[in-house]
Amino acid sequence: METLTPPDLIGLVRNHLTQNNVASRQILARSLQNLLGRGNLQWYSDPGLAVLDMGTDRC
């Protein structure tokens, strides 16, 4: 299990969505980043929200 900080998670999701350089994915990534940025106090007040299991592939 790997612990990610909010900026790391936002960057990870944004990079994943924009990897093919498709305009609609870039817009979605920006919107997601803005949405997650609004709740930074919630991220920092609950450390459990920043934990992401990167060890398994569930696709």
Protein backbone atom coordinates (compact mmCIF):
# COMPACT_ATOMS: atom_id res chain seq x y z
CA MET A 1 0.00 0.00 0.00
CA GLU A 2 1.29 3.45 -0.96
CA THR A 3 0.22 6.71 0.66
CA LEU A 4 -0.34 9.58 -1.76
CA THR A 5 -0.70 13.23 -0.86
CA PRO A 6 -3.58 15.14 -2.50
CA PRO A 7 -1.33 16.87 -5.07
CA ASP A 8 0.20 13.48 -5.98
CA LEU A 9 -3.22 11.92 -6.49
CA ILE A 10 -4.48 14.87 -8.53
CA GLY A 11 -1.37 14.74 -10.71
CA LEU A 12 -1.66 10.97 -11.14
CA VAL A 13 -5.28 11.18 -12.27
CA ARG A 14 -4.65 14.19 -14.49
CA ASN A 15 -1.68 12.53 -16.19
CA HIS A 16 -3.67 9.35 -16.74
CA LEU A 17 -6.58 11.22 -18.31
CA THR A 18 -4.44 13.42 -20.55
CA GLN A 19 -1.87 10.85 -21.69
CA ASN A 20 -3.40 10.67 -25.19
CA ASN A 21 -3.62 14.48 -25.45
CA VAL A 22 -7.36 14.40 -26.20
CA ALA A 23 -9.09 17.75 -25.57
CA SER A 24 -12.12 16.25 -23.82
CA ARG A 25 -9.88 14.33 -21.43
CA GLN A 26 -7.91 17.48 -20.68
CA ILE A 27 -11.12 19.32 -19.84
CA LEU A 28 -12.22 16.43 -17.62
CA ALA A 29 -8.82 16.38 -15.91
CA ARG A 30 -8.94 20.13 -15.24
CA SER A 31 -12.47 19.87 -13.87
CA LEU A 32 -11.47 16.98 -11.62
CA GLN A 33 -8.42 18.90 -10.41
CA ASN A 34 -10.56 21.94 -9.59
CA LEU A 35 -13.13 19.80 -7.79
CA LEU A 36 -10.51 18.00 -5.71
CA GLY A 37 -8.70 21.27 -4.98
CA ARG A 38 -11.79 22.70 -3.32
CA GLY A 39 -11.78 19.96 -0.69
CA ASN A 40 -8.14 20.16 0.43
CA LEU A 41 -9.11 20.70 4.07
CA GLN A 42 -11.08 17.46 3.99
CA TRP A 43 -8.08 15.58 2.53
CA TYR A 44 -5.77 16.80 5.27
CA SER A 45 -8.26 16.27 8.10
CA ASP A 46 -8.81 12.59 7.20
CA PRO A 47 -5.54 10.81 6.32
CA GLY A 48 -7.50 7.74 5.25
CA LEU A 49 -8.75 9.62 2.20
CA ALA A 50 -5.21 9.93 0.84
CA VAL A 51 -4.46 6.19 0.97
CA LEU A 52 -4.57 4.37 -2.35
CA ASP A 53 -3.72 0.71 -2.88
CA MET A 54 -1.40 0.72 -5.89
CA GLY A 55 -0.36 -2.90 -5.45
CA THR A 56 -3.08 -4.71 -7.38
CA ASP A 57 -4.56 -4.37 -10.83
CA ARG A 58 -8.32 -4.81 -10.66
CA CYS A 59 -9.19 -4.07 -14.29
